[in-house]
């Protein structure tokens, strides 16, 4: 399957989903990206506890919104 055909099939599948299904996918993707960011923060700040990791994540998200 070509990339174009795969994209068309994916778009068609999304169109067949309910709003709730699409929202659930978006929420899972958001949580996955936040967890990946937390992993990066933990590598950069191995001494940070969970509260500090979450604080740094919130800072990054705020910064991303302002750019």
PDB file of N, CA and C in Angstrom:
ATOM      1  N   UNK A   1       0.849  -1.167   0.000  1.00  0.00           N
ATOM      2  CA  UNK A   1       0.000   0.000   0.000  1.00  0.00           C
ATOM      3  C   UNK A   1       0.901   1.239   0.000  1.00  0.00           C
ATOM      4  N   UNK A   2       0.580   2.180  -0.838  1.00  0.00           N
ATOM      5  CA  UNK A   2       1.360   3.417  -0.922  1.00  0.00           C
ATOM      6  C   UNK A   2       1.053   4.304   0.289  1.00  0.00           C
ATOM      7  N   UNK A   3       1.961   5.231   0.597  1.00  0.00           N
ATOM      8  CA  UNK A   3       1.678   6.155   1.712  1.00  0.00           C
ATOM      9  C   UNK A   3       0.391   6.949   1.504  1.00  0.00           C
ATOM     10  N   UNK A   4       0.131   7.335   0.273  1.00  0.00           N
ATOM     11  CA  UNK A   4      -1.089   8.091  -0.012  1.00  0.00           C
ATOM     12  C   UNK A   4      -2.336   7.252   0.241  1.00  0.00           C
ATOM     13  N   UNK A   5      -2.290   5.993  -0.188  1.00  0.00           N
ATOM     14  CA  UNK A   5      -3.430   5.094   0.025  1.00  0.00           C
ATOM     15  C   UNK A   5      -3.626   4.811   1.511  1.00  0.00           C
ATOM     16  N   UNK A   6      -2.528   4.650   2.230  1.00  0.00           N
ATOM     17  CA  UNK A   6      -2.618   4.405   3.672  1.00  0.00           C
ATOM     18  C   UNK A   6      -3.237   5.605   4.384  1.00  0.00           C
ATOM     19  N   UNK A   7      -2.821   6.799   3.987  1.00  0.00           N
ATOM     20  CA  UNK A   7      -3.394   8.009   4.589  1.00  0.00           C
ATOM     21  C   UNK A   7      -4.881   8.114   4.284  1.00  0.00           C
ATOM     22  N   UNK A   8      -5.257   7.835   3.054  1.00  0.00           N
ATOM     23  CA  UNK A   8      -6.674   7.888   2.679  1.00  0.00           C
ATOM     24  C   UNK A   8      -7.479   6.875   3.487  1.00  0.00           C
ATOM     25  N   UNK A   9      -6.933   5.676   3.678  1.00  0.00           N
ATOM     26  CA  UNK A   9      -7.627   4.646   4.458  1.00  0.00           C
ATOM     27  C   UNK A   9      -7.748   5.077   5.916  1.00  0.00           C
ATOM     28  N   UNK A  10      -6.693   5.686   6.452  1.00  0.00           N
ATOM     29  CA  UNK A  10      -6.738   6.151   7.837  1.00  0.00           C
ATOM     30  C   UNK A  10      -7.785   7.245   8.003  1.00  0.00           C
ATOM     31  N   UNK A  11      -7.821   8.186   7.080  1.00  0.00           N
ATOM     32  CA  UNK A  11      -8.812   9.264   7.152  1.00  0.00           C
ATOM     33  C   UNK A  11     -10.225   8.697   7.069  1.00  0.00           C
ATOM     34  N   UNK A  12     -10.419   7.755   6.191  1.00  0.00           N
ATOM     35  CA  UNK A  12     -11.744   7.129   6.066  1.00  0.00           C
ATOM     36  C   UNK A  12     -12.133   6.435   7.366  1.00  0.00           C
ATOM     37  N   UNK A  13     -11.182   5.759   7.992  1.00  0.00           N
ATOM     38  CA  UNK A  13     -11.474   5.080   9.264  1.00  0.00           C
ATOM     39  C   UNK A  13     -11.844   6.102  10.336  1.00  0.00           C
ATOM     40  N   UNK A  14     -11.121   7.225  10.385  1.00  0.00           N
ATOM     41  CA  UNK A  14     -11.465   8.264  11.362  1.00  0.00           C
ATOM     42  C   UNK A  14     -12.869   8.799  11.117  1.00  0.00           C
ATOM     43  N   UNK A  15     -13.243   8.953   9.866  1.00  0.00           N
ATOM     44  CA  UNK A  15     -14.585   9.449   9.547  1.00  0.00           C
ATOM     45  C   UNK A  15     -15.677   8.483   9.999  1.00  0.00           C
ATOM     46  N   UNK A  16     -15.351   7.202  10.053  1.00  0.00           N
ATOM     47  CA  UNK A  16     -16.327   6.198  10.473  1.00  0.00           C
ATOM     48  C   UNK A  16     -16.473   6.133  11.997  1.00  0.00           C
ATOM     49  N   UNK A  17     -15.521   6.693  12.707  1.00  0.00           N
ATOM     50  CA  UNK A  17     -15.549   6.645  14.178  1.00  0.00           C
ATOM     51  C   UNK A  17     -16.545   7.651  14.734  1.00  0.00           C
ATOM     52  N   UNK A  18     -16.988   7.359  15.938  1.00  0.00           N
ATOM     53  CA  UNK A  18     -17.821   8.312  16.652  1.00  0.00           C
ATOM     54  C   UNK A  18     -16.926   9.421  17.208  1.00  0.00           C
ATOM     55  N   UNK A  19     -17.545  10.502  17.608  1.00  0.00           N
ATOM     56  CA  UNK A  19     -16.789  11.596  18.234  1.00  0.00           C
ATOM     57  C   UNK A  19     -16.061  11.094  19.477  1.00  0.00           C
ATOM     58  N   UNK A  20     -16.747  10.257  20.247  1.00  0.00           N
ATOM     59  CA  UNK A  20     -16.142   9.731  21.463  1.00  0.00           C
ATOM     60  C   UNK A  20     -14.894   8.911  21.158  1.00  0.00           C
ATOM     61  N   UNK A  21     -14.933   8.104  20.102  1.00  0.00           N
ATOM     62  CA  UNK A  21     -13.763   7.307  19.732  1.00  0.00           C
ATOM     63  C   UNK A  21     -12.593   8.204  19.329  1.00  0.00           C
ATOM     64  N   UNK A  22     -12.877   9.254  18.581  1.00  0.00           N
ATOM     65  CA  UNK A  22     -11.807  10.177  18.171  1.00  0.00           C
ATOM     66  C   UNK A  22     -11.227  10.918  19.370  1.00  0.00           C
ATOM     67  N   UNK A  23     -12.083  11.310  20.297  1.00  0.00           N
ATOM     68  CA  UNK A  23     -11.602  11.988  21.498  1.00  0.00           C
ATOM     69  C   UNK A  23     -10.727  11.047  22.320  1.00  0.00           C
ATOM     70  N   UNK A  24     -11.122   9.800  22.451  1.00  0.00           N
ATOM     71  CA  UNK A  24     -10.322   8.833  23.206  1.00  0.00           C
ATOM     72  C   UNK A  24      -8.946   8.649  22.576  1.00  0.00           C
ATOM     73  N   UNK A  25      -8.885   8.603  21.255  1.00  0.00           N
ATOM     74  CA  UNK A  25      -7.589   8.496  20.571  1.00  0.00           C
ATOM     75  C   UNK A  25      -6.744   9.723  20.889  1.00  0.00           C
ATOM     76  N   UNK A  26      -7.333  10.895  20.809  1.00  0.00           N
ATOM     77  CA  UNK A  26      -6.597  12.126  21.095  1.00  0.00           C
ATOM     78  C   UNK A  26      -6.078  12.140  22.530  1.00  0.00           C
ATOM     79  N   UNK A  27      -6.902  11.714  23.473  1.00  0.00           N
ATOM     80  CA  UNK A  27      -6.481  11.690  24.876  1.00  0.00           C
ATOM     81  C   UNK A  27      -5.343  10.699  25.098  1.00  0.00           C
ATOM     82  N   UNK A  28      -5.427   9.530  24.463  1.00  0.00           N
ATOM     83  CA  UNK A  28      -4.342   8.546  24.588  1.00  0.00           C
ATOM     84  C   UNK A  28      -3.049   9.076  23.988  1.00  0.00           C
ATOM     85  N   UNK A  29      -3.150   9.737  22.835  1.00  0.00           N
ATOM     86  CA  UNK A  29      -1.952  10.308  22.215  1.00  0.00           C
ATOM     87  C   UNK A  29      -1.347  11.402  23.101  1.00  0.00           C
ATOM     88  N   UNK A  30      -2.202  12.220  23.698  1.00  0.00           N
ATOM     89  CA  UNK A  30      -1.715  13.268  24.601  1.00  0.00           C
ATOM     90  C   UNK A  30      -0.994  12.651  25.788  1.00  0.00           C
ATOM     91  N   UNK A  31      -1.595  11.661  26.409  1.00  0.00           N
ATOM     92  CA  UNK A  31      -0.978  11.026  27.572  1.00  0.00           C
ATOM     93  C   UNK A  31       0.342  10.350  27.184  1.00  0.00           C
ATOM     94  N   UNK A  32       0.379   9.711  26.024  1.00  0.00           N
ATOM     95  CA  UNK A  32       1.610   9.079  25.561  1.00  0.00           C
ATOM     96  C   UNK A  32       2.713  10.121  25.349  1.00  0.00           C
ATOM     97  N   UNK A  33       2.371  11.248  24.753  1.00  0.00           N
ATOM     98  CA  UNK A  33       3.383  12.281  24.523  1.00  0.00           C
ATOM     99  C   UNK A  33       3.849  12.881  25.844  1.00  0.00           C
ATOM    100  N   UNK A  34       2.950  13.050  26.801  1.00  0.00           N
ATOM    101  CA  UNK A  34       3.357  13.551  28.114  1.00  0.00           C
ATOM    102  C   UNK A  34       4.285  12.563  28.811  1.00  0.00           C
ATOM    103  N   UNK A  35       3.991  11.281  28.700  1.00  0.00           N
ATOM    104  CA  UNK A  35       4.850  10.273  29.329  1.00  0.00           C
ATOM    105  C   UNK A  35       6.231  10.255  28.679  1.00  0.00           C
ATOM    106  N   UNK A  36       6.281  10.421  27.367  1.00  0.00           N
ATOM    107  CA  UNK A  36       7.576  10.488  26.689  1.00  0.00           C
ATOM    108  C   UNK A  36       8.353  11.717  27.150  1.00  0.00           C
ATOM    109  N   UNK A  37       7.665  12.842  27.316  1.00  0.00           N
ATOM    110  CA  UNK A  37       8.320  14.058  27.811  1.00  0.00           C
ATOM    111  C   UNK A  37       8.821  13.841  29.232  1.00  0.00           C
ATOM    112  N   UNK A  38       8.022  13.172  30.074  1.00  0.00           N
ATOM    113  CA  UNK A  38       8.464  12.877  31.442  1.00  0.00           C
ATOM    114  C   UNK A  38       9.732  12.030  31.436  1.00  0.00           C
ATOM    115  N   UNK A  39       9.788  11.055  30.539  1.00  0.00           N
ATOM    116  CA  UNK A  39      10.985  10.216  30.440  1.00  0.00           C
ATOM    117  C   UNK A  39      12.209  11.060  30.085  1.00  0.00           C
ATOM    118  N   UNK A  40      12.044  11.984  29.154  1.00  0.00           N
ATOM    119  CA  UNK A  40      13.146  12.869  28.794  1.00  0.00           C
ATOM    120  C   UNK A  40      13.569  13.757  29.951  1.00  0.00           C
ATOM    121  N   UNK A  41      12.594  14.272  30.681  1.00  0.00           N
ATOM    122  CA  UNK A  41      12.892  15.112  31.846  1.00  0.00           C
ATOM    123  C   UNK A  41      13.650  14.302  32.888  1.00  0.00           C
ATOM    124  N   UNK A  42      13.228  13.053  33.110  1.00  0.00           N
ATOM    125  CA  UNK A  42      13.921  12.212  34.098  1.00  0.00           C
ATOM    126  C   UNK A  42      15.365  11.934  33.685  1.00  0.00           C
ATOM    127  N   UNK A  43      15.607  11.791  32.387  1.00  0.00           N
ATOM    128  CA  UNK A  43      16.986  11.598  31.917  1.00  0.00           C
ATOM    129  C   UNK A  43      17.813  12.864  32.136  1.00  0.00           C
ATOM    130  N   UNK A  44      17.195  14.017  31.915  1.00  0.00           N
ATOM    131  CA  UNK A  44      17.914  15.284  32.092  1.00  0.00           C
ATOM    132  C   UNK A  44      18.080  15.651  33.565  1.00  0.00           C
ATOM    133  N   UNK A  45      17.141  15.210  34.398  1.00  0.00           N
ATOM    134  CA  UNK A  45      17.140  15.555  35.829  1.00  0.00           C
ATOM    135  C   UNK A  45      16.927  14.282  36.655  1.00  0.00           C
ATOM    136  N   UNK A  46      17.937  13.424  36.716  1.00  0.00           N
ATOM    137  CA  UNK A  46      17.749  12.137  37.417  1.00  0.00           C
ATOM    138  C   UNK A  46      17.437  12.291  38.907  1.00  0.00           C
ATOM    139  N   UNK A  47      17.769  13.436  39.475  1.00  0.00           N
ATOM    140  CA  UNK A  47      17.510  13.654  40.895  1.00  0.00           C
ATOM    141  C   UNK A  47      16.080  14.103  41.173  1.00  0.00           C
ATOM    142  N   UNK A  48      15.331  14.448  40.133  1.00  0.00           N
ATOM    143  CA  UNK A  48      13.980  15.005  40.309  1.00  0.00           C
ATOM    144  C   UNK A  48      12.993  13.934  40.757  1.00  0.00           C
ATOM    145  N   UNK A  49      12.160  14.307  41.724  1.00  0.00           N
ATOM    146  CA  UNK A  49      11.077  13.404  42.128  1.00  0.00           C
ATOM    147  C   UNK A  49       9.881  13.619  41.191  1.00  0.00           C
ATOM    148  N   UNK A  50       8.820  12.842  41.392  1.00  0.00           N
ATOM    149  CA  UNK A  50       7.661  12.914  40.498  1.00  0.00           C
ATOM    150  C   UNK A  50       7.049  14.313  40.454  1.00  0.00           C
ATOM    151  N   UNK A  51       6.977  14.973  41.598  1.00  0.00           N
ATOM    152  CA  UNK A  51       6.390  16.319  41.636  1.00  0.00           C
ATOM    153  C   UNK A  51       7.219  17.286  40.799  1.00  0.00           C
ATOM    154  N   UNK A  52       8.535  17.183  40.894  1.00  0.00           N
ATOM    155  CA  UNK A  52       9.415  18.066  40.121  1.00  0.00           C
ATOM    156  C   UNK A  52       9.313  17.754  38.629  1.00  0.00           C
ATOM    157  N   UNK A  53       9.249  16.484  38.285  1.00  0.00           N
ATOM    158  CA  UNK A  53       9.098  16.098  36.881  1.00  0.00           C
ATOM    159  C   UNK A  53       7.816  16.688  36.319  1.00  0.00           C
ATOM    160  N   UNK A  54       6.736  16.582  37.058  1.00  0.00           N
ATOM    161  CA  UNK A  54       5.457  17.129  36.594  1.00  0.00           C
ATOM    162  C   UNK A  54       5.489  18.652  36.502  1.00  0.00           C
ATOM    163  N   UNK A  55       6.189  19.309  37.424  1.00  0.00           N
ATOM    164  CA  UNK A  55       6.332  20.761  37.364  1.00  0.00           C
ATOM    165  C   UNK A  55       7.091  21.172  36.098  1.00  0.00           C
ATOM    166  N   UNK A  56       8.187  20.462  35.820  1.00  0.00           N
ATOM    167  CA  UNK A  56       8.965  20.758  34.612  1.00  0.00           C
ATOM    168  C   UNK A  56       8.152  20.475  33.347  1.00  0.00           C
ATOM    169  N   UNK A  57       7.349  19.438  33.377  1.00  0.00           N
ATOM    170  CA  UNK A  57       6.484  19.140  32.229  1.00  0.00           C
ATOM    171  C   UNK A  57       5.483  20.278  32.020  1.00  0.00           C
ATOM    172  N   UNK A  58       4.855  20.750  33.089  1.00  0.00           N
ATOM    173  CA  UNK A  58       3.915  21.868  32.965  1.00  0.00           C
ATOM    174  C   UNK A  58       4.600  23.108  32.400  1.00  0.00           C
ATOM    175  N   UNK A  59       5.842  23.356  32.830  1.00  0.00           N
ATOM    176  CA  UNK A  59       6.596  24.492  32.282  1.00  0.00           C
ATOM    177  C   UNK A  59       6.794  24.331  30.774  1.00  0.00           C
ATOM    178  N   UNK A  60       7.156  23.128  30.356  1.00  0.00           N
ATOM    179  CA  UNK A  60       7.358  22.883  28.926  1.00  0.00           C
ATOM    180  C   UNK A  60       6.065  23.059  28.145  1.00  0.00           C
ATOM    181  N   UNK A  61       4.968  22.573  28.688  1.00  0.00           N
ATOM    182  CA  UNK A  61       3.690  22.716  27.999  1.00  0.00           C
ATOM    183  C   UNK A  61       3.284  24.185  27.908  1.00  0.00           C
ATOM    184  N   UNK A  62       3.521  24.931  28.976  1.00  0.00           N
ATOM    185  CA  UNK A  62       3.213  26.368  28.943  1.00  0.00           C
ATOM    186  C   UNK A  62       4.063  27.072  27.918  1.00  0.00           C
ATOM    187  N   UNK A  63       5.338  26.760  27.880  1.00  0.00           N
ATOM    188  CA  UNK A  63       6.233  27.353  26.897  1.00  0.00           C
ATOM    189  C   UNK A  63       5.784  27.016  25.477  1.00  0.00           C
ATOM    190  N   UNK A  64       5.395  25.786  25.249  1.00  0.00           N
ATOM    191  CA  UNK A  64       4.962  25.364  23.914  1.00  0.00           C
ATOM    192  C   UNK A  64       3.717  26.149  23.472  1.00  0.00           C
ATOM    193  N   UNK A  65       2.841  26.457  24.400  1.00  0.00           N
ATOM    194  CA  UNK A  65       1.619  27.206  24.065  1.00  0.00           C
ATOM    195  C   UNK A  65       1.927  28.644  23.689  1.00  0.00           C
ATOM    196  N   UNK A  66       3.028  29.191  24.212  1.00  0.00           N
ATOM    197  CA  UNK A  66       3.347  30.597  23.960  1.00  0.00           C
ATOM    198  C   UNK A  66       4.143  30.796  22.673  1.00  0.00           C
ATOM    199  N   UNK A  67       4.662  29.727  22.117  1.00  0.00           N
ATOM    200  CA  UNK A  67       5.481  29.854  20.904  1.00  0.00           C
ATOM    201  C   UNK A  67       4.637  29.909  19.655  1.00  0.00           C
TER     202      UNK A  67
END
